[in-house]
N, C-alpha and C. Protein backbone atom coordinates (compact mmCIF):
# COMPACT_ATOMS: atom_id res chain seq x y z
N MET A 1 160.19 -86.79 104.93
CA MET A 1 160.96 -85.67 105.45
C MET A 1 160.71 -85.48 106.93
N LEU A 2 159.47 -85.70 107.41
CA LEU A 2 159.14 -85.59 108.77
C LEU A 2 159.63 -86.69 109.66
N HIS A 3 159.98 -87.77 109.00
CA HIS A 3 160.45 -89.05 109.75
C HIS A 3 161.80 -89.40 109.20
N PRO A 4 162.84 -88.78 109.71
CA PRO A 4 164.19 -89.12 109.22
C PRO A 4 164.49 -90.59 109.34
N VAL A 5 165.23 -91.04 108.33
CA VAL A 5 165.56 -92.48 108.29
C VAL A 5 167.14 -92.52 108.21
N GLY A 6 167.74 -93.29 109.03
CA GLY A 6 169.19 -93.49 109.05
C GLY A 6 169.61 -94.30 110.24
N PRO A 7 170.95 -94.55 110.30
CA PRO A 7 171.40 -95.37 111.41
C PRO A 7 171.42 -94.62 112.69
N LEU A 8 171.41 -93.24 112.65
CA LEU A 8 171.51 -92.46 113.87
C LEU A 8 170.13 -92.31 114.48
N PRO A 9 170.18 -91.89 115.77
CA PRO A 9 168.84 -91.65 116.41
C PRO A 9 168.14 -90.48 115.79
N ALA A 10 166.84 -90.48 115.87
CA ALA A 10 166.02 -89.45 115.20
C ALA A 10 166.27 -88.05 115.75
N ALA A 11 166.72 -87.90 117.04
CA ALA A 11 167.02 -86.62 117.64
C ALA A 11 168.14 -85.90 116.96
N VAL A 12 169.14 -86.72 116.47
CA VAL A 12 170.30 -86.14 115.80
C VAL A 12 169.86 -85.46 114.53
N TYR A 13 169.00 -86.12 113.80
CA TYR A 13 168.56 -85.58 112.51
C TYR A 13 167.73 -84.28 112.71
N TRP A 14 166.98 -84.30 113.81
CA TRP A 14 166.13 -83.05 114.07
C TRP A 14 167.03 -81.87 114.43
N ARG A 15 168.08 -82.10 115.21
CA ARG A 15 168.99 -80.99 115.55
C ARG A 15 169.71 -80.46 114.29
N ARG A 16 170.05 -81.34 113.40
CA ARG A 16 170.71 -80.88 112.14
C ARG A 16 169.75 -79.97 111.34
N ARG A 17 168.48 -80.40 111.29
CA ARG A 17 167.49 -79.60 110.50
C ARG A 17 167.27 -78.22 111.15
N LEU A 18 167.19 -78.15 112.48
CA LEU A 18 166.97 -76.87 113.20
C LEU A 18 168.16 -75.96 112.95
N THR A 19 169.39 -76.52 112.94
CA THR A 19 170.56 -75.67 112.75
C THR A 19 170.57 -75.10 111.31
N VAL A 20 170.22 -75.87 110.37
CA VAL A 20 170.08 -75.38 108.94
C VAL A 20 169.03 -74.32 108.84
N LEU A 21 167.95 -74.52 109.57
CA LEU A 21 166.80 -73.55 109.50
C LEU A 21 167.20 -72.22 110.07
N VAL A 22 167.95 -72.23 111.22
CA VAL A 22 168.43 -71.02 111.87
C VAL A 22 169.39 -70.31 110.96
N LEU A 23 170.34 -71.00 110.33
CA LEU A 23 171.22 -70.36 109.36
C LEU A 23 170.56 -69.73 108.25
N LEU A 24 169.48 -70.44 107.76
CA LEU A 24 168.74 -69.87 106.59
C LEU A 24 167.99 -68.61 107.00
N LEU A 25 167.43 -68.56 108.18
CA LEU A 25 166.75 -67.36 108.65
C LEU A 25 167.68 -66.23 108.85
N ALA A 26 168.92 -66.53 109.37
CA ALA A 26 169.95 -65.46 109.56
C ALA A 26 170.39 -64.89 108.19
N VAL A 27 170.53 -65.70 107.16
CA VAL A 27 170.87 -65.21 105.83
C VAL A 27 169.79 -64.38 105.29
N LEU A 28 168.58 -64.84 105.41
CA LEU A 28 167.44 -64.02 104.92
C LEU A 28 167.33 -62.69 105.60
N GLY A 29 167.55 -62.65 106.93
CA GLY A 29 167.46 -61.38 107.66
C GLY A 29 168.54 -60.42 107.20
N GLY A 30 169.76 -60.92 106.98
CA GLY A 30 170.86 -60.04 106.51
C GLY A 30 170.56 -59.43 105.21
N LEU A 31 170.05 -60.27 104.28
CA LEU A 31 169.68 -59.72 102.95
C LEU A 31 168.62 -58.64 103.09
N GLY A 32 167.63 -58.85 103.93
CA GLY A 32 166.52 -57.88 104.17
C GLY A 32 167.12 -56.58 104.68
N TRP A 33 168.05 -56.58 105.59
CA TRP A 33 168.64 -55.30 106.08
C TRP A 33 169.39 -54.57 105.04
N VAL A 34 170.13 -55.32 104.18
CA VAL A 34 170.88 -54.65 103.10
C VAL A 34 169.91 -53.95 102.16
N VAL A 35 168.84 -54.68 101.79
CA VAL A 35 167.88 -54.06 100.86
C VAL A 35 167.24 -52.77 101.47
N VAL A 36 166.86 -52.86 102.72
CA VAL A 36 166.25 -51.69 103.37
C VAL A 36 167.19 -50.48 103.48
N SER A 37 168.50 -50.79 103.72
CA SER A 37 169.46 -49.68 103.86
C SER A 37 169.67 -49.01 102.54
N LEU A 38 169.50 -49.75 101.40
CA LEU A 38 169.73 -49.12 100.08
C LEU A 38 168.55 -48.31 99.64
N LEU A 39 167.41 -48.40 100.25
CA LEU A 39 166.25 -47.60 99.82
C LEU A 39 166.42 -46.12 100.16
N PRO A 40 165.93 -45.11 99.28
CA PRO A 40 166.07 -43.68 99.55
C PRO A 40 165.30 -43.29 100.83
N GLY A 41 165.99 -42.34 101.61
CA GLY A 41 165.39 -41.79 102.82
C GLY A 41 165.49 -42.72 103.99
N SER A 42 166.22 -43.87 103.84
CA SER A 42 166.29 -44.82 105.00
C SER A 42 167.73 -44.81 105.49
N GLY A 43 167.91 -45.33 106.65
CA GLY A 43 169.26 -45.51 107.22
C GLY A 43 169.86 -44.15 107.52
N ASP A 44 171.24 -44.02 107.19
CA ASP A 44 171.93 -42.85 107.44
C ASP A 44 171.51 -41.70 106.62
N GLY A 45 171.01 -42.00 105.39
CA GLY A 45 170.55 -40.88 104.54
C GLY A 45 169.36 -40.12 105.20
N GLY A 46 168.45 -40.88 105.77
CA GLY A 46 167.29 -40.25 106.43
C GLY A 46 167.73 -39.49 107.67
N ALA A 47 168.68 -40.08 108.40
CA ALA A 47 169.23 -39.39 109.57
C ALA A 47 169.93 -38.09 109.20
N ALA A 48 170.71 -38.20 108.09
CA ALA A 48 171.40 -37.00 107.62
C ALA A 48 170.44 -35.94 107.17
N ALA A 49 169.36 -36.35 106.45
CA ALA A 49 168.36 -35.40 106.06
C ALA A 49 167.72 -34.74 107.27
N SER A 50 167.42 -35.59 108.29
CA SER A 50 166.79 -35.01 109.45
C SER A 50 167.73 -34.08 110.14
N SER A 51 169.09 -34.34 110.17
CA SER A 51 170.04 -33.49 110.75
C SER A 51 170.14 -32.21 110.01
N THR A 52 170.07 -32.31 108.65
CA THR A 52 170.12 -31.04 107.87
C THR A 52 168.89 -30.20 108.14
N THR A 53 167.75 -30.82 108.17
CA THR A 53 166.50 -30.01 108.45
C THR A 53 166.58 -29.45 109.81
N ALA A 54 167.10 -30.21 110.82
CA ALA A 54 167.11 -29.64 112.17
C ALA A 54 168.14 -28.51 112.24
N ALA A 55 169.19 -28.63 111.45
CA ALA A 55 170.28 -27.63 111.54
C ALA A 55 169.90 -26.33 110.89
N GLU A 56 168.92 -26.30 109.98
CA GLU A 56 168.50 -25.10 109.34
C GLU A 56 167.98 -24.10 110.36
N PRO A 57 168.37 -22.87 110.38
CA PRO A 57 167.87 -21.91 111.35
C PRO A 57 166.45 -21.57 111.11
N THR A 58 165.77 -21.43 112.27
CA THR A 58 164.33 -21.09 112.18
C THR A 58 164.15 -19.55 112.11
N GLU A 59 163.41 -19.07 111.17
CA GLU A 59 163.19 -17.62 110.96
C GLU A 59 162.40 -17.12 112.21
N LEU A 60 162.97 -16.15 112.94
CA LEU A 60 162.36 -15.60 114.13
C LEU A 60 161.45 -14.44 113.77
N PRO A 61 160.35 -14.25 114.41
CA PRO A 61 159.50 -13.11 114.16
C PRO A 61 160.20 -11.79 114.48
N ALA A 62 159.82 -10.73 113.86
CA ALA A 62 160.41 -9.37 114.14
C ALA A 62 160.12 -9.02 115.54
N LEU A 63 161.07 -8.21 116.10
CA LEU A 63 161.06 -7.87 117.51
C LEU A 63 159.79 -7.12 117.87
N GLU A 64 159.34 -6.21 117.01
CA GLU A 64 158.12 -5.47 117.34
C GLU A 64 156.92 -6.33 117.37
N GLN A 65 156.96 -7.57 116.76
CA GLN A 65 155.81 -8.48 116.79
C GLN A 65 155.80 -9.18 118.11
N VAL A 66 156.91 -9.29 118.83
CA VAL A 66 156.99 -10.04 120.11
C VAL A 66 156.89 -9.04 121.27
N VAL A 67 157.61 -7.93 121.24
CA VAL A 67 157.59 -6.95 122.29
C VAL A 67 156.92 -5.71 121.81
N PRO A 68 155.81 -5.28 122.38
CA PRO A 68 155.11 -4.06 121.95
C PRO A 68 155.99 -2.82 122.20
N ALA A 69 155.77 -1.80 121.43
CA ALA A 69 156.53 -0.54 121.55
C ALA A 69 156.34 0.03 122.95
N VAL A 70 157.41 0.66 123.50
CA VAL A 70 157.27 1.19 124.84
C VAL A 70 156.23 2.23 124.97
N SER A 71 156.07 3.03 123.89
CA SER A 71 155.04 4.08 123.93
C SER A 71 153.63 3.53 124.02
N GLY A 72 153.47 2.26 123.62
CA GLY A 72 152.15 1.69 123.64
C GLY A 72 151.80 0.92 124.90
N VAL A 73 152.80 0.84 125.81
CA VAL A 73 152.59 0.09 127.07
C VAL A 73 152.12 1.02 128.12
N ARG A 74 151.04 0.75 128.78
CA ARG A 74 150.48 1.54 129.84
C ARG A 74 150.69 0.81 131.15
N THR A 75 151.62 1.25 132.00
CA THR A 75 151.85 0.58 133.25
C THR A 75 150.82 1.03 134.27
N PRO A 76 150.18 0.12 134.96
CA PRO A 76 149.17 0.51 135.95
C PRO A 76 149.78 1.34 137.05
N GLY A 77 149.15 2.40 137.47
CA GLY A 77 149.57 3.23 138.56
C GLY A 77 150.69 4.16 138.29
N THR A 78 151.05 4.30 137.00
CA THR A 78 152.15 5.23 136.62
C THR A 78 151.66 6.30 135.67
N THR A 79 150.62 7.00 136.11
CA THR A 79 150.06 8.10 135.29
C THR A 79 150.97 9.31 135.47
N ALA A 80 150.95 10.17 134.48
CA ALA A 80 151.78 11.38 134.52
C ALA A 80 151.27 12.31 135.69
N PRO A 81 152.24 12.81 136.41
CA PRO A 81 151.83 13.73 137.54
C PRO A 81 151.19 14.97 137.04
N PRO A 82 150.08 15.44 137.73
CA PRO A 82 149.43 16.64 137.26
C PRO A 82 150.34 17.86 137.44
N SER A 83 150.17 18.78 136.55
CA SER A 83 150.97 20.00 136.63
C SER A 83 150.59 20.82 137.85
N GLU A 84 151.58 21.27 138.55
CA GLU A 84 151.30 22.01 139.83
C GLU A 84 150.90 23.44 139.46
N PRO A 85 149.87 23.98 140.20
CA PRO A 85 149.51 25.33 139.93
C PRO A 85 150.62 26.28 140.31
N PRO A 86 150.69 27.39 139.55
CA PRO A 86 151.83 28.35 139.86
C PRO A 86 151.61 28.91 141.26
N VAL A 87 152.69 29.07 141.94
CA VAL A 87 152.71 29.62 143.34
C VAL A 87 152.60 31.11 143.25
N PRO A 88 151.52 31.69 143.94
CA PRO A 88 151.40 33.12 143.84
C PRO A 88 152.56 33.88 144.46
N ALA A 89 152.97 34.94 143.84
CA ALA A 89 154.13 35.69 144.35
C ALA A 89 153.70 36.39 145.65
N GLY A 90 154.62 36.40 146.59
CA GLY A 90 154.35 37.06 147.85
C GLY A 90 154.59 38.55 147.73
N PRO A 91 154.37 39.30 148.81
CA PRO A 91 154.64 40.73 148.78
C PRO A 91 156.08 41.04 148.52
N THR A 92 156.27 42.12 147.76
CA THR A 92 157.69 42.53 147.45
C THR A 92 158.18 43.48 148.53
N PRO A 93 159.35 43.19 149.08
CA PRO A 93 159.93 44.11 150.08
C PRO A 93 160.12 45.51 149.50
N GLY A 94 159.67 46.49 150.20
CA GLY A 94 159.80 47.88 149.80
C GLY A 94 158.74 48.30 148.83
N GLY A 95 157.75 47.44 148.49
CA GLY A 95 156.65 47.80 147.63
C GLY A 95 155.60 48.53 148.37
N ARG A 96 154.48 48.80 147.69
CA ARG A 96 153.34 49.52 148.38
C ARG A 96 152.62 48.61 149.29
N CYS A 97 152.17 49.15 150.42
CA CYS A 97 151.40 48.40 151.34
C CYS A 97 149.90 48.37 150.88
N THR A 98 149.44 47.21 150.52
CA THR A 98 148.06 47.04 150.15
C THR A 98 147.16 46.93 151.40
N ASP A 99 145.85 47.08 151.27
CA ASP A 99 144.95 46.97 152.39
C ASP A 99 145.09 45.60 153.09
N GLU A 100 145.38 44.57 152.32
CA GLU A 100 145.46 43.18 152.86
C GLU A 100 146.71 43.08 153.70
N MET A 101 147.71 43.93 153.54
CA MET A 101 148.97 43.86 154.27
C MET A 101 148.91 44.73 155.57
N LEU A 102 147.75 45.42 155.79
CA LEU A 102 147.72 46.32 156.94
C LEU A 102 146.66 45.81 157.94
N GLY A 103 146.95 46.13 159.21
CA GLY A 103 145.94 45.95 160.27
C GLY A 103 145.61 47.35 160.74
N LEU A 104 144.29 47.60 161.00
CA LEU A 104 143.82 48.93 161.38
C LEU A 104 142.94 48.75 162.67
N GLU A 105 143.21 49.54 163.69
CA GLU A 105 142.48 49.38 164.95
C GLU A 105 142.24 50.71 165.59
N VAL A 106 141.06 50.88 166.30
CA VAL A 106 140.76 52.09 167.06
C VAL A 106 140.77 51.70 168.51
N ARG A 107 141.49 52.56 169.30
CA ARG A 107 141.56 52.34 170.77
C ARG A 107 140.85 53.46 171.45
N THR A 108 140.06 53.10 172.44
CA THR A 108 139.28 54.05 173.23
C THR A 108 139.48 53.83 174.71
N PRO A 109 139.16 54.78 175.49
CA PRO A 109 139.27 54.52 176.99
C PRO A 109 138.27 53.49 177.50
N GLY A 110 137.21 53.27 176.65
CA GLY A 110 136.18 52.31 177.11
C GLY A 110 135.00 52.99 177.65
N THR A 111 135.16 53.84 178.68
CA THR A 111 134.06 54.55 179.34
C THR A 111 134.61 56.03 179.67
N VAL A 112 133.75 56.98 179.27
CA VAL A 112 134.10 58.41 179.59
C VAL A 112 132.83 59.10 180.15
N ALA A 113 133.06 60.15 180.87
CA ALA A 113 131.97 60.92 181.46
C ALA A 113 131.31 61.81 180.35
N VAL A 114 130.07 62.16 180.57
CA VAL A 114 129.38 63.10 179.64
C VAL A 114 130.13 64.42 179.59
N GLY A 115 130.45 64.93 178.46
CA GLY A 115 131.14 66.19 178.29
C GLY A 115 132.65 66.03 178.34
N ALA A 116 133.18 64.84 178.56
CA ALA A 116 134.61 64.65 178.62
C ALA A 116 135.22 64.72 177.23
N LYS A 117 136.51 64.98 177.19
CA LYS A 117 137.25 65.13 175.92
C LYS A 117 138.36 64.03 175.88
N PRO A 118 137.96 62.80 175.60
CA PRO A 118 138.96 61.71 175.65
C PRO A 118 139.89 61.72 174.46
N VAL A 119 141.05 61.10 174.61
CA VAL A 119 142.04 60.90 173.51
C VAL A 119 141.74 59.49 172.92
N LEU A 120 141.48 59.53 171.59
CA LEU A 120 141.25 58.32 170.86
C LEU A 120 142.54 58.03 170.05
N GLU A 121 142.67 56.76 169.64
CA GLU A 121 143.92 56.42 168.85
C GLU A 121 143.50 55.54 167.62
N LEU A 122 144.18 55.92 166.53
CA LEU A 122 144.08 55.08 165.25
C LEU A 122 145.43 54.40 165.18
N VAL A 123 145.47 53.07 165.14
CA VAL A 123 146.65 52.32 165.12
C VAL A 123 146.77 51.57 163.78
N VAL A 124 147.89 51.74 163.12
CA VAL A 124 148.17 51.10 161.81
C VAL A 124 149.32 50.10 162.06
N VAL A 125 149.18 48.90 161.58
CA VAL A 125 150.24 47.90 161.72
C VAL A 125 150.49 47.15 160.34
N ASN A 126 151.69 47.05 159.96
CA ASN A 126 152.03 46.24 158.80
C ASN A 126 152.05 44.79 159.18
N THR A 127 151.05 44.01 158.81
CA THR A 127 150.92 42.61 159.17
C THR A 127 151.64 41.65 158.18
N SER A 128 152.29 42.19 157.22
CA SER A 128 152.99 41.33 156.18
C SER A 128 154.41 41.04 156.70
N PRO A 129 155.07 40.07 156.07
CA PRO A 129 156.44 39.69 156.63
C PRO A 129 157.56 40.64 156.00
N VAL A 130 157.21 41.62 155.18
CA VAL A 130 158.22 42.41 154.56
C VAL A 130 157.87 43.90 154.80
N PRO A 131 158.91 44.79 154.72
CA PRO A 131 158.60 46.22 154.82
C PRO A 131 157.89 46.70 153.59
N CYS A 132 156.98 47.65 153.78
CA CYS A 132 156.23 48.19 152.68
C CYS A 132 155.94 49.72 152.96
N VAL A 133 155.53 50.39 151.85
CA VAL A 133 155.40 51.85 151.92
C VAL A 133 153.90 52.17 151.84
N ARG A 134 153.46 53.15 152.65
CA ARG A 134 152.04 53.56 152.66
C ARG A 134 151.93 55.04 153.01
N ALA A 135 151.00 55.72 152.34
CA ALA A 135 150.77 57.10 152.70
C ALA A 135 149.89 57.18 153.90
N LEU A 136 150.33 57.93 154.94
CA LEU A 136 149.59 58.09 156.21
C LEU A 136 149.18 59.55 156.40
N ASP A 137 148.83 60.18 155.31
CA ASP A 137 148.45 61.58 155.40
C ASP A 137 147.22 61.78 156.30
N LYS A 138 147.19 63.00 156.98
CA LYS A 138 146.14 63.31 157.91
C LYS A 138 144.73 63.25 157.22
N GLU A 139 144.69 63.73 155.96
CA GLU A 139 143.34 63.73 155.28
C GLU A 139 142.84 62.38 154.96
N LEU A 140 143.75 61.33 154.99
CA LEU A 140 143.39 59.94 154.72
C LEU A 140 142.93 59.21 155.95
N GLN A 141 143.11 59.87 157.12
CA GLN A 141 142.72 59.24 158.38
C GLN A 141 141.37 59.86 158.87
N GLU A 142 140.52 59.02 159.47
CA GLU A 142 139.26 59.45 159.95
C GLU A 142 138.72 58.51 161.03
N LEU A 143 138.09 59.12 162.06
CA LEU A 143 137.35 58.37 163.05
C LEU A 143 135.93 58.86 163.00
N VAL A 144 134.99 57.89 163.09
CA VAL A 144 133.56 58.16 163.07
C VAL A 144 132.93 57.43 164.20
N MET A 145 131.99 58.19 164.89
CA MET A 145 131.25 57.66 166.04
C MET A 145 129.77 57.45 165.59
N VAL A 146 129.18 56.28 165.94
CA VAL A 146 127.77 56.02 165.67
C VAL A 146 127.13 55.55 166.94
N ASP A 147 125.79 55.78 167.03
CA ASP A 147 125.11 55.31 168.30
C ASP A 147 124.63 53.86 168.11
N ALA A 148 123.84 53.43 169.06
CA ALA A 148 123.40 51.99 169.09
C ALA A 148 122.49 51.76 167.92
N ALA A 149 121.79 52.74 167.37
CA ALA A 149 120.89 52.53 166.28
C ALA A 149 121.63 52.66 164.91
N GLY A 150 122.95 53.01 164.95
CA GLY A 150 123.65 53.11 163.76
C GLY A 150 123.71 54.51 163.16
N ALA A 151 123.14 55.47 163.87
CA ALA A 151 123.16 56.85 163.37
C ALA A 151 124.51 57.51 163.63
N ARG A 152 124.96 58.27 162.65
CA ARG A 152 126.26 58.94 162.79
C ARG A 152 126.14 60.05 163.80
N VAL A 153 127.11 60.09 164.71
CA VAL A 153 127.17 61.13 165.81
C VAL A 153 128.28 62.14 165.63
N TRP A 154 129.38 61.71 165.21
CA TRP A 154 130.55 62.57 165.14
C TRP A 154 131.54 62.00 164.15
N GLY A 155 132.33 62.89 163.49
CA GLY A 155 133.41 62.49 162.55
C GLY A 155 134.62 63.43 162.74
N SER A 156 135.80 62.85 162.81
CA SER A 156 136.97 63.65 163.10
C SER A 156 137.33 64.66 162.01
N ASN A 157 136.85 64.43 160.75
CA ASN A 157 137.16 65.38 159.65
C ASN A 157 135.96 66.32 159.34
N ASP A 158 134.97 66.32 160.19
CA ASP A 158 133.79 67.18 159.87
C ASP A 158 134.07 68.70 160.04
N CYS A 159 134.65 69.06 161.14
CA CYS A 159 134.79 70.47 161.39
C CYS A 159 136.22 70.96 161.40
N PHE A 160 137.16 70.18 161.67
CA PHE A 160 138.53 70.57 161.70
C PHE A 160 139.44 69.58 160.92
N PRO A 161 139.28 69.50 159.61
CA PRO A 161 140.04 68.54 158.78
C PRO A 161 141.50 69.04 158.77
N GLU A 162 142.39 68.12 158.79
CA GLU A 162 143.84 68.38 158.66
C GLU A 162 144.44 67.73 157.48
N SER A 163 145.58 68.24 157.02
CA SER A 163 146.28 67.60 155.91
C SER A 163 147.77 67.54 156.17
N SER A 164 148.42 66.57 155.60
CA SER A 164 149.87 66.40 155.68
C SER A 164 150.39 65.60 154.56
N ASP A 165 151.66 65.57 154.46
CA ASP A 165 152.38 64.63 153.49
C ASP A 165 153.23 63.72 154.21
N ASP A 166 152.65 62.50 154.49
CA ASP A 166 153.33 61.55 155.41
C ASP A 166 153.32 60.17 154.73
N GLU A 167 154.35 59.93 154.02
CA GLU A 167 154.52 58.55 153.36
C GLU A 167 155.67 57.86 154.05
N ARG A 168 155.38 56.68 154.60
CA ARG A 168 156.36 56.00 155.47
C ARG A 168 156.59 54.58 154.99
N THR A 169 157.74 54.07 155.36
CA THR A 169 158.09 52.70 155.19
C THR A 169 157.75 51.97 156.56
N LEU A 170 156.75 51.08 156.45
CA LEU A 170 156.27 50.43 157.68
C LEU A 170 157.02 49.07 157.84
N ALA A 171 157.68 48.88 158.97
CA ALA A 171 158.33 47.63 159.24
C ALA A 171 157.35 46.58 159.61
N PRO A 172 157.65 45.33 159.37
CA PRO A 172 156.65 44.21 159.70
C PRO A 172 156.39 44.22 161.25
N GLY A 173 155.12 44.25 161.59
CA GLY A 173 154.71 44.10 162.99
C GLY A 173 154.89 45.37 163.80
N GLU A 174 155.38 46.43 163.27
CA GLU A 174 155.57 47.64 164.07
C GLU A 174 154.33 48.54 164.02
N PRO A 175 153.71 48.81 165.17
CA PRO A 175 152.53 49.66 165.12
C PRO A 175 152.85 51.17 164.99
N VAL A 176 152.01 51.90 164.27
CA VAL A 176 152.14 53.36 164.18
C VAL A 176 150.83 53.89 164.79
N VAL A 177 150.96 54.70 165.83
CA VAL A 177 149.79 55.22 166.55
C VAL A 177 149.56 56.70 166.26
N PHE A 178 148.30 57.03 165.90
CA PHE A 178 147.91 58.45 165.67
C PHE A 178 146.89 58.82 166.70
N PRO A 179 147.26 59.61 167.75
CA PRO A 179 146.32 60.05 168.76
C PRO A 179 145.44 61.19 168.24
N LEU A 180 144.21 61.21 168.67
CA LEU A 180 143.20 62.24 168.28
C LEU A 180 142.35 62.61 169.47
N ALA A 181 142.26 63.86 169.84
CA ALA A 181 141.43 64.33 170.94
C ALA A 181 140.03 64.68 170.45
N TRP A 182 139.02 64.06 171.06
CA TRP A 182 137.64 64.38 170.71
C TRP A 182 137.16 65.49 171.64
N GLY A 183 136.50 66.50 171.04
CA GLY A 183 136.00 67.58 171.80
C GLY A 183 134.76 67.28 172.65
N GLY A 184 134.23 66.13 172.51
CA GLY A 184 133.01 65.76 173.33
C GLY A 184 131.73 66.19 172.76
N LEU A 185 131.69 66.73 171.52
CA LEU A 185 130.44 67.25 170.92
C LEU A 185 130.14 66.51 169.64
N THR A 186 128.91 66.51 169.23
CA THR A 186 128.45 65.94 168.00
C THR A 186 128.91 66.77 166.79
N SER A 187 128.81 66.21 165.59
CA SER A 187 129.11 66.94 164.37
C SER A 187 128.58 66.22 163.18
N GLU A 188 128.56 66.94 162.02
CA GLU A 188 128.15 66.28 160.74
C GLU A 188 129.10 66.82 159.65
N PRO A 189 129.14 66.11 158.46
CA PRO A 189 130.18 66.44 157.49
C PRO A 189 130.29 67.91 157.08
N THR A 190 129.20 68.68 157.04
CA THR A 190 129.28 70.09 156.64
C THR A 190 129.66 70.96 157.80
N CYS A 191 129.57 70.51 159.05
CA CYS A 191 129.78 71.23 160.27
C CYS A 191 128.93 72.49 160.40
N THR A 192 127.72 72.42 159.86
CA THR A 192 126.84 73.58 159.87
C THR A 192 125.74 73.37 160.95
N ALA A 193 125.47 72.12 161.29
CA ALA A 193 124.46 71.84 162.36
C ALA A 193 124.97 72.23 163.72
N ALA A 194 124.06 72.47 164.67
CA ALA A 194 124.47 72.77 166.02
C ALA A 194 125.16 71.55 166.65
N ARG A 195 126.23 71.83 167.39
CA ARG A 195 126.98 70.75 168.02
C ARG A 195 126.57 70.65 169.50
N VAL A 196 126.24 69.45 169.91
CA VAL A 196 125.76 69.22 171.25
C VAL A 196 126.50 68.04 171.86
N THR A 197 126.30 67.91 173.22
CA THR A 197 126.87 66.81 173.90
C THR A 197 126.06 65.51 173.71
N PRO A 198 126.65 64.45 173.31
CA PRO A 198 125.85 63.21 173.10
C PRO A 198 125.20 62.76 174.43
N ALA A 199 124.09 62.17 174.31
CA ALA A 199 123.44 61.59 175.48
C ALA A 199 124.18 60.39 176.04
N PRO A 200 124.09 60.12 177.32
CA PRO A 200 124.73 58.96 177.85
C PRO A 200 124.24 57.68 177.10
N GLY A 201 125.13 56.74 176.96
CA GLY A 201 124.76 55.50 176.30
C GLY A 201 125.97 54.84 175.68
N ASP A 202 125.68 53.77 174.92
CA ASP A 202 126.73 53.05 174.29
C ASP A 202 126.92 53.45 172.81
N TYR A 203 128.16 53.67 172.44
CA TYR A 203 128.49 54.10 171.12
C TYR A 203 129.58 53.21 170.53
N VAL A 204 129.83 53.39 169.23
CA VAL A 204 130.86 52.58 168.55
C VAL A 204 131.68 53.57 167.72
N LEU A 205 133.02 53.32 167.70
CA LEU A 205 133.96 54.13 166.92
C LEU A 205 134.48 53.23 165.82
N ARG A 206 134.63 53.76 164.63
CA ARG A 206 135.21 53.14 163.52
C ARG A 206 136.30 54.02 162.88
N GLY A 207 137.36 53.30 162.48
CA GLY A 207 138.50 54.07 161.90
C GLY A 207 138.68 53.73 160.45
N ARG A 208 139.32 54.69 159.71
CA ARG A 208 139.60 54.53 158.30
C ARG A 208 140.94 55.13 157.96
N LEU A 209 141.66 54.44 157.11
CA LEU A 209 142.91 54.96 156.51
C LEU A 209 142.72 54.78 154.99
N ASP A 210 142.34 55.86 154.34
CA ASP A 210 142.00 55.80 152.96
C ASP A 210 140.97 54.72 152.63
N THR A 211 141.34 53.65 152.03
CA THR A 211 140.37 52.58 151.71
C THR A 211 140.36 51.43 152.75
N LYS A 212 141.20 51.52 153.73
CA LYS A 212 141.30 50.45 154.74
C LYS A 212 140.43 50.85 155.89
N VAL A 213 139.49 49.99 156.34
CA VAL A 213 138.51 50.26 157.40
C VAL A 213 138.76 49.32 158.58
N SER A 214 138.65 49.88 159.75
CA SER A 214 138.90 49.10 160.98
C SER A 214 137.59 48.37 161.43
N GLY A 215 137.73 47.57 162.46
CA GLY A 215 136.54 47.00 163.11
C GLY A 215 136.01 48.04 164.07
N ASP A 216 134.93 47.66 164.80
CA ASP A 216 134.25 48.52 165.77
C ASP A 216 134.90 48.49 167.12
N ALA A 217 135.07 49.70 167.73
CA ALA A 217 135.56 49.80 169.09
C ALA A 217 134.54 50.45 169.97
N PRO A 218 134.05 49.81 171.05
CA PRO A 218 133.01 50.38 171.88
C PRO A 218 133.48 51.56 172.72
N LEU A 219 132.54 52.41 172.98
CA LEU A 219 132.79 53.57 173.87
C LEU A 219 131.48 53.86 174.59
N THR A 220 131.50 53.86 175.87
CA THR A 220 130.33 54.12 176.70
C THR A 220 130.47 55.53 177.32
N ILE A 221 129.44 56.31 177.12
CA ILE A 221 129.34 57.69 177.72
C ILE A 221 128.34 57.63 178.79
N GLY A 222 128.76 58.07 179.99
CA GLY A 222 127.82 57.98 181.12
C GLY A 222 128.32 58.68 182.37
C-alpha cells in the first residue's frame, strides 16, 4: 500500500490517494455537523431559546425600593426656618401716654441771688411718634429742691398746693411748659416748720408728673 505499483510514476498514485483522503474527510465532517445540529439545545434551537430568555422582561424592583420617600430625605443646609418672634405692637395713636412715651425736664436760671424768687419750669414732651393723651393736673405736678447732701429743702406742693382738671392730647415732639415761681424760702410737706432763706451753695431741682420723674437740674444760690 505504501509503495504503489503500476506503469505510472509513483507521484501520480500519491496524488490520487491524497485526493481520496480529502474527500473522505469532507464527507465525515459533513456528517458530524448534521449530527450536532440535530441534538437538543444546539444550533438554531439553542439560539431561539436564548432569544426567548433574553426577550422575557426582567421584573423591576418597586419604586420605593430604589428611590427613598421624599419625607425621609434630609437635604444638607435646608433646615426649617425658625419661627420669628412676634413683633411688639407700637403705641396706639390717641391712646394714653405712658411714662415711657414722655420726656420730663426741669429748667432753672442756673444761678440766682440769695433771697431771689426765680421762675422755674417743668417741661413735658411726648417723645413717641404718635399723639397720646395724658392728665397734666396741677396736683400731679411737683418740683422738689435738695441740697448737696441730699436733704430736702423745698417742695412746690408743701404750702400752696394747687389743683386743676387738665387732660390733654400731646402731639409728638411738642413741649408743654409749666412755669412756677419759687418764693425763695425753704418748706416741708406739712408747711408747719419755719421758712427761711436757703444758705448760698449748690442745689438740685427734680420734677415729677404723677409717676414720671425727671432728671436733676442744678441751681446755684449765691
